Amino acid sequence: MTKNSNEETFVSQRVIYTAHVEGRIILVENVPARVSSRTGERFFHRKPSSSFRASCRKRRSPSA
């Protein structure tokens, strides 16, 4: 767990990433994220989440 300057605590967890693309709902399981213990808000690293969104738009599986 880490804290930022506002004393909010974040926990590393594996979560389900949800995307809405062209009227479809896409779920990607087991995605690493930082989760606020206070609000439950999830923060993803930019590169994987960008890759997921691009893969969803192209209708193909993301590469590892």
N, C-alpha and C. Protein backbone atom coordinates (compact mmCIF):
# COMPACT_ATOMS: atom_id res chain seq x y z
N MET A 1 0.83 -1.18 0.00
CA MET A 1 0.00 0.00 0.00
C MET A 1 0.88 1.24 0.00
N THR A 2 0.41 2.25 -0.69
CA THR A 2 1.11 3.53 -0.71
C THR A 2 0.13 4.65 -0.41
N LYS A 3 0.66 5.78 0.03
CA LYS A 3 -0.19 6.93 0.30
C LYS A 3 0.30 8.10 -0.53
N ASN A 4 -0.63 8.94 -0.98
CA ASN A 4 -0.23 10.16 -1.67
C ASN A 4 -0.23 11.30 -0.66
N SER A 5 -0.01 12.53 -1.09
CA SER A 5 0.09 13.67 -0.19
C SER A 5 -1.23 13.97 0.55
N ASN A 6 -2.36 13.47 0.09
CA ASN A 6 -3.65 13.69 0.75
C ASN A 6 -3.98 12.56 1.72
N GLU A 7 -3.02 11.70 2.00
CA GLU A 7 -3.20 10.58 2.93
C GLU A 7 -4.19 9.53 2.44
N GLU A 8 -4.44 9.48 1.15
CA GLU A 8 -5.30 8.44 0.61
C GLU A 8 -4.47 7.20 0.36
N THR A 9 -5.02 6.03 0.66
CA THR A 9 -4.29 4.77 0.53
C THR A 9 -4.70 4.06 -0.75
N PHE A 10 -3.70 3.56 -1.48
CA PHE A 10 -3.93 2.81 -2.71
C PHE A 10 -3.37 1.40 -2.54
N VAL A 11 -4.08 0.43 -3.09
CA VAL A 11 -3.70 -0.97 -3.00
C VAL A 11 -3.56 -1.53 -4.41
N SER A 12 -2.51 -2.31 -4.66
CA SER A 12 -2.35 -2.98 -5.96
C SER A 12 -3.27 -4.19 -5.99
N GLN A 13 -4.11 -4.26 -7.02
CA GLN A 13 -5.05 -5.37 -7.17
C GLN A 13 -5.17 -5.76 -8.63
N ARG A 14 -5.69 -6.96 -8.87
CA ARG A 14 -6.06 -7.41 -10.21
C ARG A 14 -7.55 -7.19 -10.32
N VAL A 15 -8.00 -6.47 -11.36
CA VAL A 15 -9.41 -6.11 -11.51
C VAL A 15 -9.91 -6.46 -12.90
N ILE A 16 -11.18 -6.23 -13.14
CA ILE A 16 -11.77 -6.41 -14.46
C ILE A 16 -11.85 -5.03 -15.11
N TYR A 17 -11.23 -4.89 -16.29
CA TYR A 17 -11.25 -3.65 -17.06
C TYR A 17 -12.47 -3.69 -17.97
N THR A 18 -13.29 -2.66 -17.93
CA THR A 18 -14.51 -2.59 -18.73
C THR A 18 -14.40 -1.47 -19.76
N ALA A 19 -14.74 -1.78 -21.01
CA ALA A 19 -14.73 -0.77 -22.07
C ALA A 19 -16.05 -0.84 -22.83
N HIS A 20 -16.54 0.31 -23.24
CA HIS A 20 -17.74 0.40 -24.07
C HIS A 20 -17.28 0.86 -25.45
N VAL A 21 -17.42 -0.03 -26.44
CA VAL A 21 -16.94 0.26 -27.78
C VAL A 21 -18.04 -0.06 -28.79
N GLU A 22 -18.44 0.95 -29.56
CA GLU A 22 -19.43 0.78 -30.62
C GLU A 22 -20.66 0.01 -30.15
N GLY A 23 -21.16 0.36 -28.95
CA GLY A 23 -22.36 -0.28 -28.44
C GLY A 23 -22.13 -1.64 -27.80
N ARG A 24 -20.90 -2.07 -27.73
CA ARG A 24 -20.57 -3.36 -27.10
C ARG A 24 -19.88 -3.11 -25.77
N ILE A 25 -20.03 -4.04 -24.84
CA ILE A 25 -19.30 -3.98 -23.57
C ILE A 25 -18.22 -5.05 -23.63
N ILE A 26 -16.98 -4.63 -23.43
CA ILE A 26 -15.83 -5.53 -23.47
C ILE A 26 -15.27 -5.64 -22.06
N LEU A 27 -15.04 -6.87 -21.58
CA LEU A 27 -14.46 -7.10 -20.26
C LEU A 27 -13.10 -7.77 -20.43
N VAL A 28 -12.10 -7.25 -19.73
CA VAL A 28 -10.77 -7.86 -19.72
C VAL A 28 -10.45 -8.18 -18.27
N GLU A 29 -10.25 -9.45 -17.97
CA GLU A 29 -10.03 -9.88 -16.60
C GLU A 29 -8.56 -9.85 -16.22
N ASN A 30 -8.32 -9.77 -14.90
CA ASN A 30 -6.98 -9.91 -14.33
C ASN A 30 -6.02 -8.80 -14.74
N VAL A 31 -6.50 -7.56 -14.77
CA VAL A 31 -5.70 -6.41 -15.16
C VAL A 31 -5.15 -5.73 -13.90
N PRO A 32 -3.83 -5.50 -13.84
CA PRO A 32 -3.27 -4.84 -12.66
C PRO A 32 -3.70 -3.38 -12.58
N ALA A 33 -4.05 -2.94 -11.37
CA ALA A 33 -4.49 -1.56 -11.16
C ALA A 33 -4.16 -1.14 -9.74
N ARG A 34 -4.11 0.18 -9.53
CA ARG A 34 -4.00 0.75 -8.19
C ARG A 34 -5.41 1.17 -7.81
N VAL A 35 -5.89 0.72 -6.64
CA VAL A 35 -7.26 0.96 -6.24
C VAL A 35 -7.28 1.77 -4.94
N SER A 36 -8.05 2.85 -4.92
CA SER A 36 -8.20 3.67 -3.73
C SER A 36 -9.00 2.90 -2.69
N SER A 37 -8.45 2.78 -1.48
CA SER A 37 -9.17 2.07 -0.43
C SER A 37 -10.34 2.91 0.09
N ARG A 38 -10.31 4.21 -0.13
CA ARG A 38 -11.37 5.10 0.34
C ARG A 38 -12.54 5.15 -0.64
N THR A 39 -12.25 5.32 -1.94
CA THR A 39 -13.31 5.52 -2.94
C THR A 39 -13.55 4.33 -3.86
N GLY A 40 -12.58 3.41 -3.94
CA GLY A 40 -12.69 2.28 -4.87
C GLY A 40 -12.31 2.65 -6.29
N GLU A 41 -11.92 3.91 -6.52
CA GLU A 41 -11.52 4.33 -7.86
C GLU A 41 -10.29 3.55 -8.30
N ARG A 42 -10.28 3.15 -9.57
CA ARG A 42 -9.18 2.34 -10.12
C ARG A 42 -8.33 3.18 -11.05
N PHE A 43 -7.02 3.00 -10.95
CA PHE A 43 -6.08 3.69 -11.82
C PHE A 43 -5.26 2.64 -12.55
N PHE A 44 -5.24 2.74 -13.88
CA PHE A 44 -4.52 1.79 -14.72
C PHE A 44 -3.28 2.45 -15.30
N HIS A 45 -2.27 1.65 -15.58
CA HIS A 45 -1.11 2.17 -16.30
C HIS A 45 -1.56 2.52 -17.71
N ARG A 46 -1.01 3.57 -18.26
CA ARG A 46 -1.45 4.08 -19.56
C ARG A 46 -1.26 3.06 -20.69
N LYS A 47 -0.10 2.41 -20.77
CA LYS A 47 0.19 1.52 -21.91
C LYS A 47 -0.79 0.35 -22.02
N PRO A 48 -1.01 -0.45 -20.95
CA PRO A 48 -1.97 -1.56 -21.10
C PRO A 48 -3.38 -1.10 -21.41
N SER A 49 -3.87 -0.04 -20.76
CA SER A 49 -5.25 0.39 -21.02
C SER A 49 -5.39 0.93 -22.43
N SER A 50 -4.37 1.59 -22.96
CA SER A 50 -4.41 2.05 -24.35
C SER A 50 -4.44 0.86 -25.30
N SER A 51 -3.67 -0.18 -24.98
CA SER A 51 -3.63 -1.38 -25.79
C SER A 51 -4.99 -2.08 -25.80
N PHE A 52 -5.65 -2.16 -24.63
CA PHE A 52 -6.97 -2.79 -24.55
C PHE A 52 -7.97 -2.03 -25.41
N ARG A 53 -7.99 -0.70 -25.29
CA ARG A 53 -8.95 0.10 -26.06
C ARG A 53 -8.70 -0.07 -27.57
N ALA A 54 -7.43 -0.05 -27.98
CA ALA A 54 -7.12 -0.21 -29.40
C ALA A 54 -7.54 -1.59 -29.90
N SER A 55 -7.29 -2.63 -29.09
CA SER A 55 -7.67 -3.99 -29.47
C SER A 55 -9.17 -4.13 -29.60
N CYS A 56 -9.91 -3.48 -28.70
CA CYS A 56 -11.38 -3.55 -28.75
C CYS A 56 -11.90 -2.90 -30.03
N ARG A 57 -11.31 -1.77 -30.41
CA ARG A 57 -11.76 -1.09 -31.62
C ARG A 57 -11.47 -1.93 -32.86
N LYS A 58 -10.35 -2.68 -32.83
CA LYS A 58 -9.95 -3.49 -33.99
C LYS A 58 -10.56 -4.89 -33.94
N ARG A 59 -11.28 -5.19 -32.85
CA ARG A 59 -11.93 -6.50 -32.68
C ARG A 59 -10.94 -7.65 -32.75
N ARG A 60 -9.85 -7.51 -32.00
CA ARG A 60 -8.88 -8.60 -31.92
C ARG A 60 -8.43 -8.75 -30.48
N SER A 61 -7.79 -9.87 -30.16
CA SER A 61 -7.29 -10.10 -28.81
C SER A 61 -6.02 -9.29 -28.58
N PRO A 62 -5.85 -8.70 -27.37
CA PRO A 62 -4.63 -7.95 -27.10
C PRO A 62 -3.44 -8.89 -26.98
N SER A 63 -2.27 -8.43 -27.39
CA SER A 63 -1.08 -9.25 -27.24
C SER A 63 -0.47 -9.01 -25.87
N ALA A 64 0.22 -10.01 -25.36
CA ALA A 64 0.80 -9.91 -24.01
C ALA A 64 2.06 -9.10 -23.98
